[in-house]
Amino acid sequence: MKLESKHLYPYGPYDLTVMVPDEDGPCVVEAINKQCIFIDSGCDYTYDQIKLVLHPLSDLTNHAAKVWGYAGAKHDPIHYLLKDINNRYVEVHIWQELLEGHYDVFGLIEKGLAIDINKIKQ
């Protein structure tokens, strides 16, 4: 599988960051087109040169407790959210929050097309 514009466009409005060659850390994406991305340093890279920097869905437990009010729930809040994502319609605002929070909603980390934000040296 290759990284495609359809994977990047949903994150576009939310200051998406990527790892690129010759940079020490994550770079903010300034623009996306069908062939490449443009980063804050003014360079452009093709999709095969970059890796998105995303949160794995497992990071949602703390986020869900804080933002969606699942704190103190009897069951793990991610269980309910993932059930919604995989089995039925998910409200638009939840998708927006997932994308804005840079969560890996497309499974790109597992496919080697994104990097787990928790594994980047700060």
PDB file of N, CA and C in Angstrom:
ATOM      1  N   MET A   1       0.835  -1.181   0.000  1.00  0.00           N
ATOM      2  CA  MET A   1       0.000   0.000   0.000  1.00  0.00           C
ATOM      3  C   MET A   1       0.881   1.247   0.000  1.00  0.00           C
ATOM      4  N   LYS A   2       0.438   2.265  -0.706  1.00  0.00           N
ATOM      5  CA  LYS A   2       1.169   3.523  -0.791  1.00  0.00           C
ATOM      6  C   LYS A   2       0.348   4.640  -0.150  1.00  0.00           C
ATOM      7  N   LEU A   3       1.042   5.620   0.383  1.00  0.00           N
ATOM      8  CA  LEU A   3       0.386   6.795   0.908  1.00  0.00           C
ATOM      9  C   LEU A   3      -0.212   7.586  -0.253  1.00  0.00           C
ATOM     10  N   GLU A   4      -1.456   8.003  -0.108  1.00  0.00           N
ATOM     11  CA  GLU A   4      -2.148   8.737  -1.167  1.00  0.00           C
ATOM     12  C   GLU A   4      -2.770  10.006  -0.605  1.00  0.00           C
ATOM     13  N   SER A   5      -3.159  10.884  -1.508  1.00  0.00           N
ATOM     14  CA  SER A   5      -3.772  12.146  -1.088  1.00  0.00           C
ATOM     15  C   SER A   5      -5.022  11.908  -0.248  1.00  0.00           C
ATOM     16  N   LYS A   6      -5.753  10.842  -0.516  1.00  0.00           N
ATOM     17  CA  LYS A   6      -6.965  10.564   0.258  1.00  0.00           C
ATOM     18  C   LYS A   6      -6.661  10.324   1.728  1.00  0.00           C
ATOM     19  N   HIS A   7      -5.424   9.924   2.055  1.00  0.00           N
ATOM     20  CA  HIS A   7      -5.026   9.745   3.447  1.00  0.00           C
ATOM     21  C   HIS A   7      -4.659  11.067   4.112  1.00  0.00           C
ATOM     22  N   LEU A   8      -4.201  12.027   3.320  1.00  0.00           N
ATOM     23  CA  LEU A   8      -3.738  13.296   3.867  1.00  0.00           C
ATOM     24  C   LEU A   8      -4.818  14.371   3.914  1.00  0.00           C
ATOM     25  N   TYR A   9      -5.659  14.459   2.893  1.00  0.00           N
ATOM     26  CA  TYR A   9      -6.649  15.531   2.811  1.00  0.00           C
ATOM     27  C   TYR A   9      -7.524  15.667   4.065  1.00  0.00           C
ATOM     28  N   PRO A  10      -8.010  14.583   4.663  1.00  0.00           N
ATOM     29  CA  PRO A  10      -8.856  14.758   5.850  1.00  0.00           C
ATOM     30  C   PRO A  10      -8.140  15.450   7.015  1.00  0.00           C
ATOM     31  N   TYR A  11      -6.817  15.274   7.099  1.00  0.00           N
ATOM     32  CA  TYR A  11      -6.049  15.907   8.175  1.00  0.00           C
ATOM     33  C   TYR A  11      -5.606  17.329   7.811  1.00  0.00           C
ATOM     34  N   GLY A  12      -5.733  17.701   6.562  1.00  0.00           N
ATOM     35  CA  GLY A  12      -5.215  18.966   6.042  1.00  0.00           C
ATOM     36  C   GLY A  12      -5.524  20.208   6.850  1.00  0.00           C
ATOM     37  N   PRO A  13      -6.751  20.401   7.306  1.00  0.00           N
ATOM     38  CA  PRO A  13      -7.061  21.632   8.043  1.00  0.00           C
ATOM     39  C   PRO A  13      -6.505  21.671   9.468  1.00  0.00           C
ATOM     40  N   TYR A  14      -5.853  20.606   9.916  1.00  0.00           N
ATOM     41  CA  TYR A  14      -5.495  20.476  11.331  1.00  0.00           C
ATOM     42  C   TYR A  14      -3.990  20.418  11.600  1.00  0.00           C
ATOM     43  N   ASP A  15      -3.205  21.213  10.899  1.00  0.00           N
ATOM     44  CA  ASP A  15      -1.754  21.297  11.139  1.00  0.00           C
ATOM     45  C   ASP A  15      -1.090  19.921  11.189  1.00  0.00           C
ATOM     46  N   LEU A  16      -1.293  19.153  10.163  1.00  0.00           N
ATOM     47  CA  LEU A  16      -0.693  17.837  10.050  1.00  0.00           C
ATOM     48  C   LEU A  16       0.824  17.944  10.055  1.00  0.00           C
ATOM     49  N   THR A  17       1.481  17.022  10.739  1.00  0.00           N
ATOM     50  CA  THR A  17       2.936  16.989  10.735  1.00  0.00           C
ATOM     51  C   THR A  17       3.421  15.701  10.082  1.00  0.00           C
ATOM     52  N   VAL A  18       4.600  15.791   9.474  1.00  0.00           N
ATOM     53  CA  VAL A  18       5.193  14.652   8.784  1.00  0.00           C
ATOM     54  C   VAL A  18       6.678  14.590   9.098  1.00  0.00           C
ATOM     55  N   MET A  19       7.229  13.425   8.928  1.00  0.00           N
ATOM     56  CA  MET A  19       8.679  13.246   8.974  1.00  0.00           C
ATOM     57  C   MET A  19       9.153  13.197   7.530  1.00  0.00           C
ATOM     58  N   VAL A  20      10.213  13.966   7.247  1.00  0.00           N
ATOM     59  CA  VAL A  20      10.750  14.040   5.896  1.00  0.00           C
ATOM     60  C   VAL A  20      12.262  13.852   5.950  1.00  0.00           C
ATOM     61  N   PRO A  21      12.883  13.502   4.813  1.00  0.00           N
ATOM     62  CA  PRO A  21      14.339  13.363   4.788  1.00  0.00           C
ATOM     63  C   PRO A  21      15.013  14.704   5.107  1.00  0.00           C
ATOM     64  N   ASP A  22      16.156  14.648   5.709  1.00  0.00           N
ATOM     65  CA  ASP A  22      16.999  15.825   5.976  1.00  0.00           C
ATOM     66  C   ASP A  22      16.429  16.792   7.007  1.00  0.00           C
ATOM     67  N   GLU A  23      15.457  16.395   7.781  1.00  0.00           N
ATOM     68  CA  GLU A  23      14.918  17.239   8.847  1.00  0.00           C
ATOM     69  C   GLU A  23      15.087  16.492  10.172  1.00  0.00           C
ATOM     70  N   ASP A  24      15.359  17.224  11.236  1.00  0.00           N
ATOM     71  CA  ASP A  24      15.607  16.614  12.546  1.00  0.00           C
ATOM     72  C   ASP A  24      14.345  16.144  13.251  1.00  0.00           C
ATOM     73  N   GLY A  25      13.226  16.763  12.962  1.00  0.00           N
ATOM     74  CA  GLY A  25      11.989  16.412  13.642  1.00  0.00           C
ATOM     75  C   GLY A  25      10.808  16.599  12.728  1.00  0.00           C
ATOM     76  N   PRO A  26       9.622  16.486  13.289  1.00  0.00           N
ATOM     77  CA  PRO A  26       8.412  16.641  12.488  1.00  0.00           C
ATOM     78  C   PRO A  26       8.305  18.030  11.874  1.00  0.00           C
ATOM     79  N   CYS A  27       7.739  18.093  10.681  1.00  0.00           N
ATOM     80  CA  CYS A  27       7.527  19.348   9.955  1.00  0.00           C
ATOM     81  C   CYS A  27       6.032  19.526   9.723  1.00  0.00           C
ATOM     82  N   VAL A  28       5.575  20.770   9.810  1.00  0.00           N
ATOM     83  CA  VAL A  28       4.168  21.080   9.583  1.00  0.00           C
ATOM     84  C   VAL A  28       3.904  21.153   8.081  1.00  0.00           C
ATOM     85  N   VAL A  29       2.833  20.506   7.653  1.00  0.00           N
ATOM     86  CA  VAL A  29       2.432  20.527   6.248  1.00  0.00           C
ATOM     87  C   VAL A  29       1.714  21.837   5.964  1.00  0.00           C
ATOM     88  N   GLU A  30       2.190  22.558   4.960  1.00  0.00           N
ATOM     89  CA  GLU A  30       1.572  23.822   4.571  1.00  0.00           C
ATOM     90  C   GLU A  30       0.525  23.637   3.484  1.00  0.00           C
ATOM     91  N   ALA A  31       0.759  22.698   2.571  1.00  0.00           N
ATOM     92  CA  ALA A  31      -0.185  22.472   1.475  1.00  0.00           C
ATOM     93  C   ALA A  31      -0.045  21.038   0.971  1.00  0.00           C
ATOM     94  N   ILE A  32      -1.132  20.539   0.415  1.00  0.00           N
ATOM     95  CA  ILE A  32      -1.180  19.177  -0.120  1.00  0.00           C
ATOM     96  C   ILE A  32      -1.755  19.262  -1.530  1.00  0.00           C
ATOM     97  N   ASN A  33      -1.132  18.542  -2.463  1.00  0.00           N
ATOM     98  CA  ASN A  33      -1.775  18.389  -3.764  1.00  0.00           C
ATOM     99  C   ASN A  33      -1.735  16.910  -4.134  1.00  0.00           C
ATOM    100  N   LYS A  34      -2.144  16.571  -5.327  1.00  0.00           N
ATOM    101  CA  LYS A  34      -2.252  15.152  -5.693  1.00  0.00           C
ATOM    102  C   LYS A  34      -0.922  14.428  -5.801  1.00  0.00           C
ATOM    103  N   GLN A  35       0.164  15.158  -5.988  1.00  0.00           N
ATOM    104  CA  GLN A  35       1.466  14.517  -6.159  1.00  0.00           C
ATOM    105  C   GLN A  35       2.413  14.694  -4.981  1.00  0.00           C
ATOM    106  N   CYS A  36       2.277  15.802  -4.237  1.00  0.00           N
ATOM    107  CA  CYS A  36       3.269  16.062  -3.193  1.00  0.00           C
ATOM    108  C   CYS A  36       2.698  16.941  -2.089  1.00  0.00           C
ATOM    109  N   ILE A  37       3.527  17.144  -1.058  1.00  0.00           N
ATOM    110  CA  ILE A  37       3.188  18.050   0.031  1.00  0.00           C
ATOM    111  C   ILE A  37       4.235  19.146   0.090  1.00  0.00           C
ATOM    112  N   PHE A  38       3.857  20.241   0.668  1.00  0.00           N
ATOM    113  CA  PHE A  38       4.773  21.356   0.893  1.00  0.00           C
ATOM    114  C   PHE A  38       4.839  21.570   2.398  1.00  0.00           C
ATOM    115  N   ILE A  39       6.060  21.694   2.932  1.00  0.00           N
ATOM    116  CA  ILE A  39       6.201  21.847   4.373  1.00  0.00           C
ATOM    117  C   ILE A  39       6.615  23.265   4.727  1.00  0.00           C
ATOM    118  N   ASP A  40       6.658  23.526   6.020  1.00  0.00           N
ATOM    119  CA  ASP A  40       6.912  24.884   6.512  1.00  0.00           C
ATOM    120  C   ASP A  40       8.275  25.439   6.125  1.00  0.00           C
ATOM    121  N   SER A  41       9.228  24.597   5.773  1.00  0.00           N
ATOM    122  CA  SER A  41      10.550  25.091   5.366  1.00  0.00           C
ATOM    123  C   SER A  41      10.586  25.469   3.888  1.00  0.00           C
ATOM    124  N   GLY A  42       9.482  25.275   3.189  1.00  0.00           N
ATOM    125  CA  GLY A  42       9.407  25.647   1.786  1.00  0.00           C
ATOM    126  C   GLY A  42       9.754  24.521   0.829  1.00  0.00           C
ATOM    127  N   CYS A  43      10.138  23.381   1.338  1.00  0.00           N
ATOM    128  CA  CYS A  43      10.476  22.241   0.474  1.00  0.00           C
ATOM    129  C   CYS A  43       9.214  21.472   0.122  1.00  0.00           C
ATOM    130  N   ASP A  44       9.290  20.754  -0.975  1.00  0.00           N
ATOM    131  CA  ASP A  44       8.188  19.873  -1.320  1.00  0.00           C
ATOM    132  C   ASP A  44       8.709  18.449  -1.424  1.00  0.00           C
ATOM    133  N   TYR A  45       7.838  17.497  -1.065  1.00  0.00           N
ATOM    134  CA  TYR A  45       8.192  16.085  -1.040  1.00  0.00           C
ATOM    135  C   TYR A  45       7.068  15.273  -1.648  1.00  0.00           C
ATOM    136  N   THR A  46       7.443  14.208  -2.331  1.00  0.00           N
ATOM    137  CA  THR A  46       6.431  13.286  -2.852  1.00  0.00           C
ATOM    138  C   THR A  46       5.952  12.406  -1.706  1.00  0.00           C
ATOM    139  N   TYR A  47       4.819  11.788  -1.901  1.00  0.00           N
ATOM    140  CA  TYR A  47       4.232  10.964  -0.835  1.00  0.00           C
ATOM    141  C   TYR A  47       5.128   9.805  -0.414  1.00  0.00           C
ATOM    142  N   ASP A  48       5.925   9.290  -1.328  1.00  0.00           N
ATOM    143  CA  ASP A  48       6.778   8.159  -0.955  1.00  0.00           C
ATOM    144  C   ASP A  48       7.996   8.591  -0.142  1.00  0.00           C
ATOM    145  N   GLN A  49       8.209   9.897   0.037  1.00  0.00           N
ATOM    146  CA  GLN A  49       9.326  10.406   0.825  1.00  0.00           C
ATOM    147  C   GLN A  49       8.935  10.754   2.256  1.00  0.00           C
ATOM    148  N   ILE A  50       7.664  10.724   2.578  1.00  0.00           N
ATOM    149  CA  ILE A  50       7.212  11.199   3.883  1.00  0.00           C
ATOM    150  C   ILE A  50       6.538  10.105   4.692  1.00  0.00           C
ATOM    151  N   LYS A  51       6.444  10.349   5.984  1.00  0.00           N
ATOM    152  CA  LYS A  51       5.633   9.525   6.879  1.00  0.00           C
ATOM    153  C   LYS A  51       4.820  10.490   7.727  1.00  0.00           C
ATOM    154  N   LEU A  52       3.539  10.246   7.832  1.00  0.00           N
ATOM    155  CA  LEU A  52       2.688  11.067   8.680  1.00  0.00           C
ATOM    156  C   LEU A  52       3.047  10.816  10.141  1.00  0.00           C
ATOM    157  N   VAL A  53       2.840  11.794  10.974  1.00  0.00           N
ATOM    158  CA  VAL A  53       3.043  11.655  12.418  1.00  0.00           C
ATOM    159  C   VAL A  53       1.654  11.665  13.051  1.00  0.00           C
ATOM    160  N   LEU A  54       1.246  10.519  13.599  1.00  0.00           N
ATOM    161  CA  LEU A  54      -0.117  10.357  14.109  1.00  0.00           C
ATOM    162  C   LEU A  54      -0.136   9.671  15.463  1.00  0.00           C
ATOM    163  N   HIS A  55      -1.230   9.868  16.174  1.00  0.00           N
ATOM    164  CA  HIS A  55      -1.474   9.130  17.415  1.00  0.00           C
ATOM    165  C   HIS A  55      -2.106   7.786  17.046  1.00  0.00           C
ATOM    166  N   PRO A  56      -1.657   6.703  17.673  1.00  0.00           N
ATOM    167  CA  PRO A  56      -2.385   5.441  17.480  1.00  0.00           C
ATOM    168  C   PRO A  56      -3.741   5.550  18.177  1.00  0.00           C
ATOM    169  N   LEU A  57      -4.699   4.783  17.731  1.00  0.00           N
ATOM    170  CA  LEU A  57      -6.022   4.829  18.355  1.00  0.00           C
ATOM    171  C   LEU A  57      -5.970   4.448  19.832  1.00  0.00           C
ATOM    172  N   SER A  58      -4.953   3.709  20.239  1.00  0.00           N
ATOM    173  CA  SER A  58      -4.840   3.334  21.652  1.00  0.00           C
ATOM    174  C   SER A  58      -4.643   4.554  22.551  1.00  0.00           C
ATOM    175  N   ASP A  59      -4.188   5.682  22.003  1.00  0.00           N
ATOM    176  CA  ASP A  59      -4.048   6.915  22.779  1.00  0.00           C
ATOM    177  C   ASP A  59      -5.394   7.551  23.097  1.00  0.00           C
ATOM    178  N   LEU A  60      -6.458   7.013  22.533  1.00  0.00           N
ATOM    179  CA  LEU A  60      -7.776   7.617  22.718  1.00  0.00           C
ATOM    180  C   LEU A  60      -8.336   7.486  24.124  1.00  0.00           C
ATOM    181  N   THR A  61      -7.870   6.555  24.906  1.00  0.00           N
ATOM    182  CA  THR A  61      -8.439   6.349  26.231  1.00  0.00           C
ATOM    183  C   THR A  61      -8.400   7.632  27.048  1.00  0.00           C
ATOM    184  N   ASN A  62      -7.258   8.277  27.148  1.00  0.00           N
ATOM    185  CA  ASN A  62      -7.154   9.518  27.919  1.00  0.00           C
ATOM    186  C   ASN A  62      -7.940  10.642  27.269  1.00  0.00           C
ATOM    187  N   HIS A  63      -7.871  10.725  25.943  1.00  0.00           N
ATOM    188  CA  HIS A  63      -8.595  11.773  25.220  1.00  0.00           C
ATOM    189  C   HIS A  63     -10.106  11.622  25.428  1.00  0.00           C
ATOM    190  N   ALA A  64     -10.591  10.401  25.305  1.00  0.00           N
ATOM    191  CA  ALA A  64     -12.022  10.157  25.450  1.00  0.00           C
ATOM    192  C   ALA A  64     -12.492  10.507  26.858  1.00  0.00           C
ATOM    193  N   ALA A  65     -11.694  10.196  27.836  1.00  0.00           N
ATOM    194  CA  ALA A  65     -12.066  10.502  29.210  1.00  0.00           C
ATOM    195  C   ALA A  65     -12.166  12.012  29.422  1.00  0.00           C
ATOM    196  N   LYS A  66     -11.242  12.760  28.850  1.00  0.00           N
ATOM    197  CA  LYS A  66     -11.227  14.217  29.038  1.00  0.00           C
ATOM    198  C   LYS A  66     -12.275  14.918  28.191  1.00  0.00           C
ATOM    199  N   VAL A  67     -12.329  14.593  26.913  1.00  0.00           N
ATOM    200  CA  VAL A  67     -13.147  15.359  25.973  1.00  0.00           C
ATOM    201  C   VAL A  67     -14.587  14.865  25.891  1.00  0.00           C
ATOM    202  N   TRP A  68     -14.785  13.572  25.870  1.00  0.00           N
ATOM    203  CA  TRP A  68     -16.128  13.043  25.646  1.00  0.00           C
ATOM    204  C   TRP A  68     -16.818  12.585  26.922  1.00  0.00           C
ATOM    205  N   GLY A  69     -16.209  12.832  28.061  1.00  0.00           N
ATOM    206  CA  GLY A  69     -16.869  12.566  29.328  1.00  0.00           C
ATOM    207  C   GLY A  69     -16.963  11.113  29.728  1.00  0.00           C
ATOM    208  N   TYR A  70     -16.035  10.289  29.292  1.00  0.00           N
ATOM    209  CA  TYR A  70     -16.055   8.890  29.681  1.00  0.00           C
ATOM    210  C   TYR A  70     -15.285   8.645  30.977  1.00  0.00           C
ATOM    211  N   ALA A  71     -14.809   9.691  31.634  1.00  0.00           N
ATOM    212  CA  ALA A  71     -14.028   9.519  32.864  1.00  0.00           C
ATOM    213  C   ALA A  71     -14.853   8.738  33.885  1.00  0.00           C
ATOM    214  N   GLY A  72     -14.222   7.752  34.479  1.00  0.00           N
ATOM    215  CA  GLY A  72     -14.882   6.944  35.490  1.00  0.00           C
ATOM    216  C   GLY A  72     -15.840   5.906  34.935  1.00  0.00           C
ATOM    217  N   ALA A  73     -15.849   5.731  33.625  1.00  0.00           N
ATOM    218  CA  ALA A  73     -16.747   4.735  33.025  1.00  0.00           C
ATOM    219  C   ALA A  73     -16.363   3.334  33.489  1.00  0.00           C
ATOM    220  N   LYS A  74     -17.350   2.479  33.589  1.00  0.00           N
ATOM    221  CA  LYS A  74     -17.109   1.104  34.050  1.00  0.00           C
ATOM    222  C   LYS A  74     -16.229   0.350  33.060  1.00  0.00           C
ATOM    223  N   HIS A  75     -16.410   0.611  31.772  1.00  0.00           N
ATOM    224  CA  HIS A  75     -15.637  -0.059  30.739  1.00  0.00           C
ATOM    225  C   HIS A  75     -14.688   0.930  30.072  1.00  0.00           C
ATOM    226  N   ASP A  76     -13.679   0.424  29.442  1.00  0.00           N
ATOM    227  CA  ASP A  76     -12.702   1.247  28.739  1.00  0.00           C
ATOM    228  C   ASP A  76     -13.410   2.068  27.666  1.00  0.00           C
ATOM    229  N   PRO A  77     -13.259   3.413  27.683  1.00  0.00           N
ATOM    230  CA  PRO A  77     -13.968   4.255  26.709  1.00  0.00           C
ATOM    231  C   PRO A  77     -13.585   3.975  25.266  1.00  0.00           C
ATOM    232  N   ILE A  78     -12.368   3.542  25.023  1.00  0.00           N
ATOM    233  CA  ILE A  78     -11.976   3.263  23.642  1.00  0.00           C
ATOM    234  C   ILE A  78     -12.808   2.123  23.064  1.00  0.00           C
ATOM    235  N   HIS A  79     -13.221   1.199  23.899  1.00  0.00           N
ATOM    236  CA  HIS A  79     -14.059   0.088  23.447  1.00  0.00           C
ATOM    237  C   HIS A  79     -15.325   0.611  22.775  1.00  0.00           C
ATOM    238  N   TYR A  80     -15.990   1.566  23.416  1.00  0.00           N
ATOM    239  CA  TYR A  80     -17.223   2.112  22.857  1.00  0.00           C
ATOM    240  C   TYR A  80     -16.965   2.895  21.584  1.00  0.00           C
ATOM    241  N   LEU A  81     -15.913   3.697  21.588  1.00  0.00           N
ATOM    242  CA  LEU A  81     -15.623   4.514  20.419  1.00  0.00           C
ATOM    243  C   LEU A  81     -15.248   3.645  19.226  1.00  0.00           C
ATOM    244  N   LEU A  82     -14.386   2.666  19.429  1.00  0.00           N
ATOM    245  CA  LEU A  82     -13.988   1.794  18.323  1.00  0.00           C
ATOM    246  C   LEU A  82     -15.167   0.974  17.823  1.00  0.00           C
ATOM    247  N   LYS A  83     -16.043   0.580  18.710  1.00  0.00           N
ATOM    248  CA  LYS A  83     -17.244  -0.137  18.282  1.00  0.00           C
ATOM    249  C   LYS A  83     -18.064   0.758  17.348  1.00  0.00           C
ATOM    250  N   ASP A  84     -18.194   2.049  17.716  1.00  0.00           N
ATOM    251  CA  ASP A  84     -18.914   2.983  16.861  1.00  0.00           C
ATOM    252  C   ASP A  84     -18.221   3.156  15.512  1.00  0.00           C
ATOM    253  N   ILE A  85     -16.899   3.301  15.527  1.00  0.00           N
ATOM    254  CA  ILE A  85     -16.156   3.519  14.287  1.00  0.00           C
ATOM    255  C   ILE A  85     -16.290   2.323  13.357  1.00  0.00           C
ATOM    256  N   ASN A  86     -16.212   1.139  13.914  1.00  0.00           N
ATOM    257  CA  ASN A  86     -16.192  -0.058  13.072  1.00  0.00           C
ATOM    258  C   ASN A  86     -17.572  -0.593  12.704  1.00  0.00           C
ATOM    259  N   ASN A  87     -18.588  -0.299  13.484  1.00  0.00           N
ATOM    260  CA  ASN A  87     -19.858  -0.983  13.286  1.00  0.00           C
ATOM    261  C   ASN A  87     -21.032  -0.120  12.852  1.00  0.00           C
ATOM    262  N   ARG A  88     -20.938   1.192  12.990  1.00  0.00           N
ATOM    263  CA  ARG A  88     -22.083   2.011  12.600  1.00  0.00           C
ATOM    264  C   ARG A  88     -21.652   3.441  12.350  1.00  0.00           C
ATOM    265  N   TYR A  89     -22.618   4.255  12.002  1.00  0.00           N
ATOM    266  CA  TYR A  89     -22.387   5.663  11.724  1.00  0.00           C
ATOM    267  C   TYR A  89     -21.774   6.359  12.941  1.00  0.00           C
ATOM    268  N   VAL A  90     -20.758   7.132  12.707  1.00  0.00           N
ATOM    269  CA  VAL A  90     -20.143   7.929  13.760  1.00  0.00           C
ATOM    270  C   VAL A  90     -20.451   9.386  13.466  1.00  0.00           C
ATOM    271  N   GLU A  91     -20.890  10.106  14.457  1.00  0.00           N
ATOM    272  CA  GLU A  91     -21.244  11.496  14.256  1.00  0.00           C
ATOM    273  C   GLU A  91     -20.065  12.290  13.719  1.00  0.00           C
ATOM    274  N   VAL A  92     -20.378  13.263  12.887  1.00  0.00           N
ATOM    275  CA  VAL A  92     -19.364  14.070  12.213  1.00  0.00           C
ATOM    276  C   VAL A  92     -18.416  14.713  13.208  1.00  0.00           C
ATOM    277  N   HIS A  93     -18.920  15.210  14.331  1.00  0.00           N
ATOM    278  CA  HIS A  93     -18.030  15.887  15.277  1.00  0.00           C
ATOM    279  C   HIS A  93     -16.984  14.941  15.864  1.00  0.00           C
ATOM    280  N   ILE A  94     -17.305  13.664  15.982  1.00  0.00           N
ATOM    281  CA  ILE A  94     -16.308  12.708  16.485  1.00  0.00           C
ATOM    282  C   ILE A  94     -15.206  12.522  15.453  1.00  0.00           C
ATOM    283  N   TRP A  95     -15.581  12.385  14.178  1.00  0.00           N
ATOM    284  CA  TRP A  95     -14.565  12.273  13.126  1.00  0.00           C
ATOM    285  C   TRP A  95     -13.683  13.506  13.108  1.00  0.00           C
ATOM    286  N   GLN A  96     -14.298  14.682  13.231  1.00  0.00           N
ATOM    287  CA  GLN A  96     -13.526  15.918  13.234  1.00  0.00           C
ATOM    288  C   GLN A  96     -12.542  15.953  14.397  1.00  0.00           C
ATOM    289  N   GLU A  97     -12.974  15.517  15.570  1.00  0.00           N
ATOM    290  CA  GLU A  97     -12.074  15.506  16.723  1.00  0.00           C
ATOM    291  C   GLU A  97     -10.940  14.510  16.529  1.00  0.00           C
ATOM    292  N   LEU A  98     -11.239  13.367  15.947  1.00  0.00           N
ATOM    293  CA  LEU A  98     -10.190  12.370  15.697  1.00  0.00           C
ATOM    294  C   LEU A  98      -9.159  12.907  14.709  1.00  0.00           C
ATOM    295  N   LEU A  99      -9.625  13.531  13.651  1.00  0.00           N
ATOM    296  CA  LEU A  99      -8.709  14.087  12.655  1.00  0.00           C
ATOM    297  C   LEU A  99      -7.939  15.273  13.220  1.00  0.00           C
ATOM    298  N   GLU A 100      -8.619  16.139  13.949  1.00  0.00           N
ATOM    299  CA  GLU A 100      -7.950  17.292  14.545  1.00  0.00           C
ATOM    300  C   GLU A 100      -6.899  16.859  15.564  1.00  0.00           C
ATOM    301  N   GLY A 101      -7.166  15.781  16.264  1.00  0.00           N
ATOM    302  CA  GLY A 101      -6.215  15.247  17.231  1.00  0.00           C
ATOM    303  C   GLY A 101      -5.125  14.398  16.602  1.00  0.00           C
ATOM    304  N   HIS A 102      -5.144  14.282  15.282  1.00  0.00           N
ATOM    305  CA  HIS A 102      -4.163  13.499  14.519  1.00  0.00           C
ATOM    306  C   HIS A 102      -4.140  12.028  14.938  1.00  0.00           C
ATOM    307  N   TYR A 103      -5.329  11.447  15.064  1.00  0.00           N
ATOM    308  CA  TYR A 103      -5.436  10.026  15.358  1.00  0.00           C
ATOM    309  C   TYR A 103      -5.433   9.242  14.060  1.00  0.00           C
ATOM    310  N   ASP A 104      -4.841   8.082  14.102  1.00  0.00           N
ATOM    311  CA  ASP A 104      -4.670   7.237  12.920  1.00  0.00           C
ATOM    312  C   ASP A 104      -5.965   6.485  12.604  1.00  0.00           C
ATOM    313  N   VAL A 105      -6.916   7.169  12.010  1.00  0.00           N
ATOM    314  CA  VAL A 105      -8.213   6.563  11.709  1.00  0.00           C
ATOM    315  C   VAL A 105      -8.170   5.626  10.497  1.00  0.00           C
ATOM    316  N   PHE A 106      -7.094   5.671   9.737  1.00  0.00           N
ATOM    317  CA  PHE A 106      -6.983   4.823   8.544  1.00  0.00           C
ATOM    318  C   PHE A 106      -6.037   3.632   8.731  1.00  0.00           C
ATOM    319  N   GLY A 107      -5.505   3.432   9.926  1.00  0.00           N
ATOM    320  CA  GLY A 107      -4.598   2.310  10.172  1.00  0.00           C
ATOM    321  C   GLY A 107      -3.262   2.453   9.456  1.00  0.00           C
ATOM    322  N   LEU A 108      -2.782   3.668   9.296  1.00  0.00           N
ATOM    323  CA  LEU A 108      -1.548   3.911   8.537  1.00  0.00           C
ATOM    324  C   LEU A 108      -0.282   3.545   9.301  1.00  0.00           C
ATOM    325  N   ILE A 109      -0.325   3.595  10.626  1.00  0.00           N
ATOM    326  CA  ILE A 109       0.852   3.209  11.413  1.00  0.00           C
ATOM    327  C   ILE A 109       1.151   1.732  11.179  1.00  0.00           C
ATOM    328  N   GLU A 110       0.140   0.905  11.271  1.00  0.00           N
ATOM    329  CA  GLU A 110       0.319  -0.543  11.048  1.00  0.00           C
ATOM    330  C   GLU A 110       0.828  -0.852   9.646  1.00  0.00           C
ATOM    331  N   LYS A 111       0.473  -0.020   8.691  1.00  0.00           N
ATOM    332  CA  LYS A 111       0.860  -0.244   7.300  1.00  0.00           C
ATOM    333  C   LYS A 111       2.222   0.364   6.968  1.00  0.00           C
ATOM    334  N   GLY A 112       2.869   0.996   7.966  1.00  0.00           N
ATOM    335  CA  GLY A 112       4.188   1.584   7.753  1.00  0.00           C
ATOM    336  C   GLY A 112       4.166   2.916   7.014  1.00  0.00           C
ATOM    337  N   LEU A 113       2.997   3.551   6.926  1.00  0.00           N
ATOM    338  CA  LEU A 113       2.871   4.816   6.209  1.00  0.00           C
ATOM    339  C   LEU A 113       2.829   6.013   7.155  1.00  0.00           C
ATOM    340  N   ALA A 114       2.829   5.741   8.445  1.00  0.00           N
ATOM    341  CA  ALA A 114       2.822   6.792   9.457  1.00  0.00           C
ATOM    342  C   ALA A 114       3.676   6.340  10.636  1.00  0.00           C
ATOM    343  N   ILE A 115       4.081   7.321  11.431  1.00  0.00           N
ATOM    344  CA  ILE A 115       4.903   7.067  12.609  1.00  0.00           C
ATOM    345  C   ILE A 115       4.070   7.390  13.850  1.00  0.00           C
ATOM    346  N   ASP A 116       4.145   6.519  14.840  1.00  0.00           N
ATOM    347  CA  ASP A 116       3.500   6.739  16.118  1.00  0.00           C
ATOM    348  C   ASP A 116       4.144   7.949  16.786  1.00  0.00           C
ATOM    349  N   ILE A 117       3.361   8.973  17.080  1.00  0.00           N
ATOM    350  CA  ILE A 117       3.884  10.200  17.669  1.00  0.00           C
ATOM    351  C   ILE A 117       4.599   9.943  18.997  1.00  0.00           C
ATOM    352  N   ASN A 118       4.211   8.889  19.692  1.00  0.00           N
ATOM    353  CA  ASN A 118       4.824   8.551  20.974  1.00  0.00           C
ATOM    354  C   ASN A 118       6.245   8.001  20.828  1.00  0.00           C
ATOM    355  N   LYS A 119       6.635   7.634  19.630  1.00  0.00           N
ATOM    356  CA  LYS A 119       7.956   7.058  19.400  1.00  0.00           C
ATOM    357  C   LYS A 119       8.957   8.050  18.836  1.00  0.00           C
ATOM    358  N   ILE A 120       8.530   9.291  18.678  1.00  0.00           N
ATOM    359  CA  ILE A 120       9.432  10.323  18.158  1.00  0.00           C
ATOM    360  C   ILE A 120      10.165  10.946  19.346  1.00  0.00           C
ATOM    361  N   LYS A 121      11.472  11.074  19.217  1.00  0.00           N
ATOM    362  CA  LYS A 121      12.260  11.699  20.266  1.00  0.00           C
ATOM    363  C   LYS A 121      11.936  13.189  20.300  1.00  0.00           C
ATOM    364  N   GLN A 122      11.565  13.661  21.469  1.00  0.00           N
ATOM    365  CA  GLN A 122      11.206  15.080  21.615  1.00  0.00           C
ATOM    366  C   GLN A 122      12.429  15.912  21.906  1.00  0.00           C
TER     367      GLN A 122
END
